[in-house]
Amino acid sequence: MAKVIEGLYYSESHEYVKVEGEYGYVGITDYAQEQLGNVVYVDMPEVDDEVTAGEDFGAVESVKAASDLISPVSGVVVEINEDLEDQPELINQDAFGTWIMKVKLSDPSEVDNLLSAADYENCCK
């Protein structure tokens, strides 16, 4: 069974957001990386890009498939995880420790529309 962490917010498209103050760290879940297999490339947004909840912000490519990344929150990208440019496999090693983008949240209440850890576990069954 894939790992799920309490205290994060989850989307049905298998992204998570970890909220710290007015920022959200967005990545893909352990379940998602297990389904994808070996990640070989991560297409990330640019710093200062605006992302919208429910819309694409990039993609993850593995040896098996490519999957669009859907932002769970809206806001402005303030940082991307540059380590992923040279080491996309970090997502396979630690999906929850390897965020893809850091977003300044434009509407922090959007997380109320996301799934809790328990709800996400049910979604993956």
Protein backbone atom coordinates (compact mmCIF):
# COMPACT_ATOMS: atom_id res chain seq x y z
CA MET A 1 0.00 0.00 0.00
CA ALA A 2 1.33 3.42 -0.93
CA LYS A 3 2.21 5.80 1.85
CA VAL A 4 -0.23 8.60 2.76
CA ILE A 5 0.75 11.38 5.16
CA GLU A 6 -1.64 13.04 7.60
CA GLY A 7 -1.81 16.84 7.51
CA LEU A 8 -1.44 17.19 3.75
CA TYR A 9 -4.25 17.94 1.31
CA TYR A 10 -4.82 15.61 -1.65
CA SER A 11 -6.47 15.82 -5.06
CA GLU A 12 -8.22 12.99 -6.86
CA SER A 13 -5.61 13.41 -9.63
CA HIS A 14 -2.91 12.33 -7.10
CA GLU A 15 -1.23 15.63 -6.30
CA TYR A 16 -0.68 16.80 -2.75
CA VAL A 17 -0.19 20.21 -1.20
CA LYS A 18 1.61 20.89 2.06
CA VAL A 19 0.51 24.28 3.40
CA GLU A 20 2.96 26.44 5.34
CA GLY A 21 1.56 29.88 6.09
CA GLU A 22 0.64 31.58 2.81
CA TYR A 23 2.59 29.02 0.73
CA GLY A 24 1.79 25.59 -0.60
CA TYR A 25 4.32 22.95 -1.64
CA VAL A 26 2.87 20.83 -4.45
CA GLY A 27 4.04 17.39 -5.55
CA ILE A 28 2.71 14.00 -6.58
CA THR A 29 1.73 11.31 -4.12
CA ASP A 30 3.51 8.06 -3.37
CA TYR A 31 0.61 6.25 -5.06
CA ALA A 32 1.13 8.31 -8.23
CA GLN A 33 4.85 7.61 -8.43
CA GLU A 34 4.18 3.88 -7.87
CA GLN A 35 1.71 3.87 -10.76
CA LEU A 36 4.08 5.77 -13.05
CA GLY A 37 7.20 3.72 -12.40
CA ASN A 38 10.65 5.20 -12.95
CA VAL A 39 10.30 8.97 -13.43
CA VAL A 40 12.64 10.22 -16.16
CA TYR A 41 11.52 13.84 -16.64
CA VAL A 42 9.48 16.49 -14.82
CA ASP A 43 8.02 19.38 -16.83
CA MET A 44 7.68 22.24 -14.33
CA PRO A 45 6.22 25.73 -14.57
CA GLU A 46 8.39 28.85 -14.49
CA VAL A 47 8.80 31.05 -11.43
CA ASP A 48 6.15 33.84 -11.52
CA ASP A 49 3.74 31.65 -13.54
CA GLU A 50 0.17 31.72 -12.29
CA VAL A 51 -1.41 28.36 -11.60
CA THR A 52 -5.12 27.68 -11.21
CA ALA A 53 -6.70 24.94 -9.12
CA GLY A 54 -7.88 22.14 -11.39
CA GLU A 55 -5.68 23.14 -14.34
CA ASP A 56 -2.43 21.69 -15.73
CA PHE A 57 0.88 23.09 -14.49
CA GLY A 58 3.26 20.58 -16.03
CA ALA A 59 3.81 16.87 -16.52
CA VAL A 60 5.71 13.91 -15.16
CA GLU A 61 7.17 11.41 -17.62
CA SER A 62 8.21 7.89 -16.75
CA VAL A 63 9.50 4.98 -18.77
CA LYS A 64 5.86 3.75 -18.92
CA ALA A 65 3.75 6.87 -19.35
CA ALA A 66 3.40 10.63 -19.20
CA SER A 67 0.93 12.20 -16.82
CA ASP A 68 -0.29 15.80 -16.64
CA LEU A 69 0.15 17.57 -13.34
CA ILE A 70 -3.04 19.27 -12.13
CA SER A 71 -2.63 22.05 -9.60
CA PRO A 72 -4.61 21.48 -6.40
CA VAL A 73 -4.41 25.21 -5.56
CA SER A 74 -4.32 28.61 -7.25
CA GLY A 75 -1.54 31.13 -6.90
CA VAL A 76 1.82 32.30 -8.19
CA VAL A 77 4.82 29.98 -8.49
CA VAL A 78 7.57 31.38 -6.24
CA GLU A 79 10.01 28.48 -6.57
CA ILE A 80 10.48 25.23 -8.46
CA ASN A 81 12.47 22.24 -7.26
CA GLU A 82 15.52 22.62 -9.49
CA ASP A 83 16.96 19.32 -8.20
CA LEU A 84 14.35 17.57 -10.37
CA GLU A 85 15.91 18.95 -13.57
CA ASP A 86 18.92 16.63 -13.13
CA GLN A 87 17.42 14.05 -10.76
CA PRO A 88 13.76 13.35 -11.62
CA GLU A 89 14.12 9.97 -9.87
CA LEU A 90 14.00 11.81 -6.52
CA ILE A 91 10.21 11.58 -6.88
CA ASN A 92 10.45 7.77 -6.88
CA GLN A 93 12.79 7.79 -3.89
CA ASP A 94 10.63 10.10 -1.72
CA ALA A 95 7.47 11.45 -3.33
CA PHE A 96 6.36 13.37 -0.22
CA GLY A 97 9.83 14.75 0.46
CA THR A 98 10.23 15.95 -3.13
CA TRP A 99 7.90 18.84 -3.93
CA ILE A 100 7.68 20.11 -7.50
CA MET A 101 6.61 23.74 -7.04
CA LYS A 102 6.10 26.22 -4.21
CA VAL A 103 3.07 28.46 -4.71
CA LYS A 104 2.04 31.67 -2.96
CA LEU A 105 -1.62 30.80 -2.38
CA SER A 106 -4.11 33.28 -3.80
CA ASP A 107 -7.05 31.66 -1.97
CA PRO A 108 -5.98 29.50 1.01
CA SER A 109 -9.60 28.33 1.52
CA GLU A 110 -9.30 26.26 -1.70
CA VAL A 111 -7.71 23.48 0.35
CA ASP A 112 -11.16 22.92 1.91
CA ASN A 113 -12.16 21.37 -1.46
CA LEU A 114 -9.32 18.83 -1.31
CA LEU A 115 -9.22 15.37 0.26
CA SER A 116 -7.95 14.49 3.71
CA ALA A 117 -5.44 11.64 4.08
CA ALA A 118 -8.25 9.19 4.97
CA ASP A 119 -10.41 10.30 2.03
CA TYR A 120 -7.44 10.03 -0.33
CA GLU A 121 -6.69 6.48 0.90
CA ASN A 122 -10.29 5.53 0.05
CA CYS A 123 -9.88 7.15 -3.38
CA CYS A 124 -6.86 4.91 -4.11
CA LYS A 125 -8.56 1.63 -3.22
